[in-house]
């Protein structure tokens, strides 16, 4: 993976951690204030954007890896 992918992964993880913290702070009723809802929206958008970019930029590599693993398993079954 390149540096951009690593940085986007970290950003997505951090956004998800922020989201989790919002839920923890609002347990057990999970009633977010207006301000917390805005923060939640921004964090979700950040996480989705970064995850989408990571996926799109690495889709070909990930598919190739998946195909390679399938071939390895097929080879083992034939033996």
N, C-alpha and C. Protein backbone atom coordinates (compact mmCIF):
# COMPACT_ATOMS: atom_id res chain seq x y z
N UNK A 1 0.84 -1.19 0.00
CA UNK A 1 0.00 0.00 0.00
C UNK A 1 0.88 1.24 0.00
N UNK A 2 0.36 2.29 -0.62
CA UNK A 2 1.13 3.52 -0.64
C UNK A 2 0.78 4.40 0.57
N UNK A 3 1.51 5.49 0.70
CA UNK A 3 1.35 6.37 1.86
C UNK A 3 -0.05 6.98 1.94
N UNK A 4 -0.63 7.34 0.78
CA UNK A 4 -1.98 7.90 0.79
C UNK A 4 -3.00 6.91 1.34
N UNK A 5 -2.86 5.65 0.96
CA UNK A 5 -3.79 4.63 1.45
C UNK A 5 -3.66 4.47 2.95
N UNK A 6 -2.43 4.44 3.43
CA UNK A 6 -2.21 4.31 4.88
C UNK A 6 -2.81 5.51 5.61
N UNK A 7 -2.58 6.71 5.10
CA UNK A 7 -3.12 7.91 5.74
C UNK A 7 -4.64 7.94 5.71
N UNK A 8 -5.22 7.51 4.61
CA UNK A 8 -6.69 7.47 4.52
C UNK A 8 -7.26 6.42 5.48
N UNK A 9 -6.55 5.30 5.60
CA UNK A 9 -6.99 4.26 6.52
C UNK A 9 -6.98 4.79 7.95
N UNK A 10 -5.91 5.47 8.32
CA UNK A 10 -5.83 6.06 9.66
C UNK A 10 -6.95 7.06 9.88
N UNK A 11 -7.21 7.91 8.88
CA UNK A 11 -8.26 8.91 9.00
C UNK A 11 -9.63 8.26 9.15
N UNK A 12 -9.88 7.21 8.39
CA UNK A 12 -11.16 6.50 8.49
C UNK A 12 -11.31 5.85 9.86
N UNK A 13 -10.26 5.24 10.34
CA UNK A 13 -10.30 4.60 11.67
C UNK A 13 -10.54 5.65 12.74
N UNK A 14 -9.84 6.78 12.65
CA UNK A 14 -10.02 7.83 13.65
C UNK A 14 -11.44 8.37 13.63
N UNK A 15 -12.02 8.52 12.44
CA UNK A 15 -13.41 8.99 12.35
C UNK A 15 -14.35 7.99 13.00
N UNK A 16 -14.10 6.69 12.79
CA UNK A 16 -14.95 5.67 13.41
C UNK A 16 -14.78 5.64 14.92
N UNK A 17 -13.57 5.89 15.39
CA UNK A 17 -13.34 5.97 16.84
C UNK A 17 -14.13 7.15 17.42
N UNK A 18 -14.12 8.28 16.71
CA UNK A 18 -14.89 9.44 17.16
C UNK A 18 -16.38 9.12 17.22
N UNK A 19 -16.86 8.37 16.24
CA UNK A 19 -18.27 7.97 16.21
C UNK A 19 -18.58 7.07 17.41
N UNK A 20 -17.70 6.11 17.64
CA UNK A 20 -17.90 5.22 18.78
C UNK A 20 -17.93 6.01 20.09
N UNK A 21 -17.06 6.99 20.22
CA UNK A 21 -17.02 7.79 21.44
C UNK A 21 -18.33 8.55 21.65
N UNK A 22 -18.91 9.05 20.56
CA UNK A 22 -20.21 9.70 20.65
C UNK A 22 -21.26 8.76 21.23
N UNK A 23 -21.25 7.52 20.74
CA UNK A 23 -22.23 6.54 21.24
C UNK A 23 -21.97 6.21 22.70
N UNK A 24 -20.71 6.05 23.06
CA UNK A 24 -20.38 5.73 24.46
C UNK A 24 -20.86 6.83 25.39
N UNK A 25 -20.63 8.07 24.97
CA UNK A 25 -21.02 9.21 25.80
C UNK A 25 -22.53 9.35 25.92
N UNK A 26 -23.27 8.75 25.03
CA UNK A 26 -24.72 8.89 25.03
C UNK A 26 -25.45 7.61 25.42
N UNK A 27 -24.75 6.68 26.01
CA UNK A 27 -25.35 5.45 26.48
C UNK A 27 -26.15 5.77 27.74
N UNK A 28 -27.26 5.21 28.02
CA UNK A 28 -27.95 4.15 27.30
C UNK A 28 -29.01 4.64 26.32
N UNK A 29 -29.30 5.95 26.29
CA UNK A 29 -30.43 6.40 25.48
C UNK A 29 -30.08 6.77 24.04
N UNK A 30 -28.83 7.05 23.76
CA UNK A 30 -28.35 7.36 22.41
C UNK A 30 -29.09 8.54 21.77
N UNK A 31 -29.51 9.48 22.60
CA UNK A 31 -30.16 10.68 22.07
C UNK A 31 -29.10 11.75 21.91
N UNK A 32 -28.69 11.98 20.68
CA UNK A 32 -27.65 12.94 20.40
C UNK A 32 -28.23 14.34 20.31
N UNK A 33 -27.47 15.30 20.79
CA UNK A 33 -27.87 16.70 20.66
C UNK A 33 -27.71 17.12 19.21
N UNK A 34 -28.23 18.29 18.90
CA UNK A 34 -28.11 18.82 17.54
C UNK A 34 -26.64 18.94 17.16
N UNK A 35 -25.83 19.45 18.05
CA UNK A 35 -24.40 19.60 17.77
C UNK A 35 -23.74 18.24 17.58
N UNK A 36 -24.10 17.27 18.41
CA UNK A 36 -23.52 15.93 18.27
C UNK A 36 -23.94 15.28 16.96
N UNK A 37 -25.17 15.54 16.52
CA UNK A 37 -25.62 15.00 15.24
C UNK A 37 -24.82 15.58 14.08
N UNK A 38 -24.48 16.85 14.16
CA UNK A 38 -23.66 17.48 13.13
C UNK A 38 -22.27 16.85 13.13
N UNK A 39 -21.70 16.65 14.32
CA UNK A 39 -20.39 16.00 14.43
C UNK A 39 -20.46 14.58 13.87
N UNK A 40 -21.51 13.85 14.22
CA UNK A 40 -21.69 12.49 13.71
C UNK A 40 -21.74 12.49 12.19
N UNK A 41 -22.51 13.40 11.61
CA UNK A 41 -22.62 13.50 10.16
C UNK A 41 -21.25 13.73 9.53
N UNK A 42 -20.49 14.66 10.06
CA UNK A 42 -19.17 14.96 9.51
C UNK A 42 -18.23 13.78 9.63
N UNK A 43 -18.25 13.09 10.76
CA UNK A 43 -17.37 11.93 10.95
C UNK A 43 -17.76 10.78 10.02
N UNK A 44 -19.06 10.56 9.86
CA UNK A 44 -19.52 9.52 8.95
C UNK A 44 -19.11 9.84 7.51
N UNK A 45 -19.27 11.09 7.11
CA UNK A 45 -18.88 11.49 5.77
C UNK A 45 -17.38 11.29 5.56
N UNK A 46 -16.60 11.65 6.56
CA UNK A 46 -15.15 11.49 6.48
C UNK A 46 -14.77 10.02 6.35
N UNK A 47 -15.39 9.19 7.17
CA UNK A 47 -15.10 7.75 7.12
C UNK A 47 -15.50 7.17 5.77
N UNK A 48 -16.69 7.51 5.29
CA UNK A 48 -17.17 6.96 4.01
C UNK A 48 -16.29 7.42 2.85
N UNK A 49 -15.92 8.69 2.86
CA UNK A 49 -15.08 9.21 1.79
C UNK A 49 -13.73 8.50 1.75
N UNK A 50 -13.11 8.35 2.91
CA UNK A 50 -11.81 7.69 2.95
C UNK A 50 -11.89 6.22 2.59
N UNK A 51 -12.90 5.53 3.09
CA UNK A 51 -13.06 4.11 2.77
C UNK A 51 -13.32 3.94 1.28
N UNK A 52 -14.14 4.81 0.70
CA UNK A 52 -14.41 4.73 -0.75
C UNK A 52 -13.14 4.94 -1.56
N UNK A 53 -12.34 5.92 -1.17
CA UNK A 53 -11.09 6.18 -1.89
C UNK A 53 -10.13 5.01 -1.75
N UNK A 54 -10.02 4.48 -0.56
CA UNK A 54 -9.14 3.32 -0.33
C UNK A 54 -9.58 2.17 -1.23
N UNK A 55 -10.87 1.90 -1.24
CA UNK A 55 -11.41 0.79 -2.03
C UNK A 55 -11.16 1.00 -3.52
N UNK A 56 -11.53 2.17 -4.01
CA UNK A 56 -11.40 2.44 -5.44
C UNK A 56 -9.95 2.42 -5.90
N UNK A 57 -9.05 3.00 -5.10
CA UNK A 57 -7.64 3.06 -5.48
C UNK A 57 -6.94 1.71 -5.42
N UNK A 58 -7.50 0.79 -4.66
CA UNK A 58 -6.85 -0.51 -4.48
C UNK A 58 -7.68 -1.67 -5.01
N UNK A 59 -8.79 -1.37 -5.67
CA UNK A 59 -9.72 -2.39 -6.14
C UNK A 59 -9.04 -3.43 -7.03
N UNK A 60 -8.24 -2.98 -7.98
CA UNK A 60 -7.58 -3.89 -8.91
C UNK A 60 -6.60 -4.80 -8.17
N UNK A 61 -5.82 -4.21 -7.26
CA UNK A 61 -4.85 -5.00 -6.49
C UNK A 61 -5.56 -6.03 -5.61
N UNK A 62 -6.64 -5.60 -4.97
CA UNK A 62 -7.37 -6.51 -4.09
C UNK A 62 -8.02 -7.64 -4.88
N UNK A 63 -8.56 -7.32 -6.05
CA UNK A 63 -9.16 -8.35 -6.90
C UNK A 63 -8.12 -9.34 -7.37
N UNK A 64 -6.93 -8.82 -7.74
CA UNK A 64 -5.85 -9.71 -8.17
C UNK A 64 -5.43 -10.63 -7.04
N UNK A 65 -5.36 -10.11 -5.83
CA UNK A 65 -5.00 -10.93 -4.68
C UNK A 65 -6.06 -12.00 -4.43
N UNK A 66 -7.32 -11.61 -4.54
CA UNK A 66 -8.42 -12.56 -4.36
C UNK A 66 -8.37 -13.66 -5.41
N UNK A 67 -8.13 -13.28 -6.66
CA UNK A 67 -8.02 -14.25 -7.75
C UNK A 67 -6.86 -15.21 -7.52
N UNK A 68 -5.75 -14.66 -7.05
CA UNK A 68 -4.58 -15.50 -6.78
C UNK A 68 -4.87 -16.53 -5.69
N UNK A 69 -5.55 -16.11 -4.65
CA UNK A 69 -5.90 -17.03 -3.57
C UNK A 69 -6.86 -18.10 -4.07
N UNK A 70 -7.83 -17.71 -4.90
CA UNK A 70 -8.76 -18.70 -5.48
C UNK A 70 -8.00 -19.75 -6.29
N UNK A 71 -7.03 -19.30 -7.07
CA UNK A 71 -6.24 -20.23 -7.87
C UNK A 71 -5.45 -21.17 -6.98
N UNK A 72 -4.91 -20.64 -5.89
CA UNK A 72 -4.15 -21.49 -4.96
C UNK A 72 -5.05 -22.57 -4.37
N UNK A 73 -6.26 -22.18 -3.98
CA UNK A 73 -7.20 -23.15 -3.41
C UNK A 73 -7.64 -24.18 -4.43
N UNK A 74 -7.83 -23.75 -5.67
CA UNK A 74 -8.21 -24.67 -6.72
C UNK A 74 -7.09 -25.68 -6.97
N UNK A 75 -5.87 -25.22 -6.92
CA UNK A 75 -4.71 -26.09 -7.10
C UNK A 75 -4.63 -27.14 -6.01
N UNK A 76 -4.96 -26.78 -4.80
CA UNK A 76 -4.93 -27.71 -3.66
C UNK A 76 -6.03 -28.75 -3.79
N UNK A 77 -7.18 -28.36 -4.30
CA UNK A 77 -8.30 -29.30 -4.46
C UNK A 77 -8.02 -30.36 -5.52
N UNK A 78 -7.26 -29.99 -6.56
CA UNK A 78 -6.98 -30.91 -7.65
C UNK A 78 -6.01 -32.00 -7.24
N UNK A 79 -5.24 -31.76 -6.20
CA UNK A 79 -4.22 -32.74 -5.80
C UNK A 79 -4.79 -33.93 -5.11
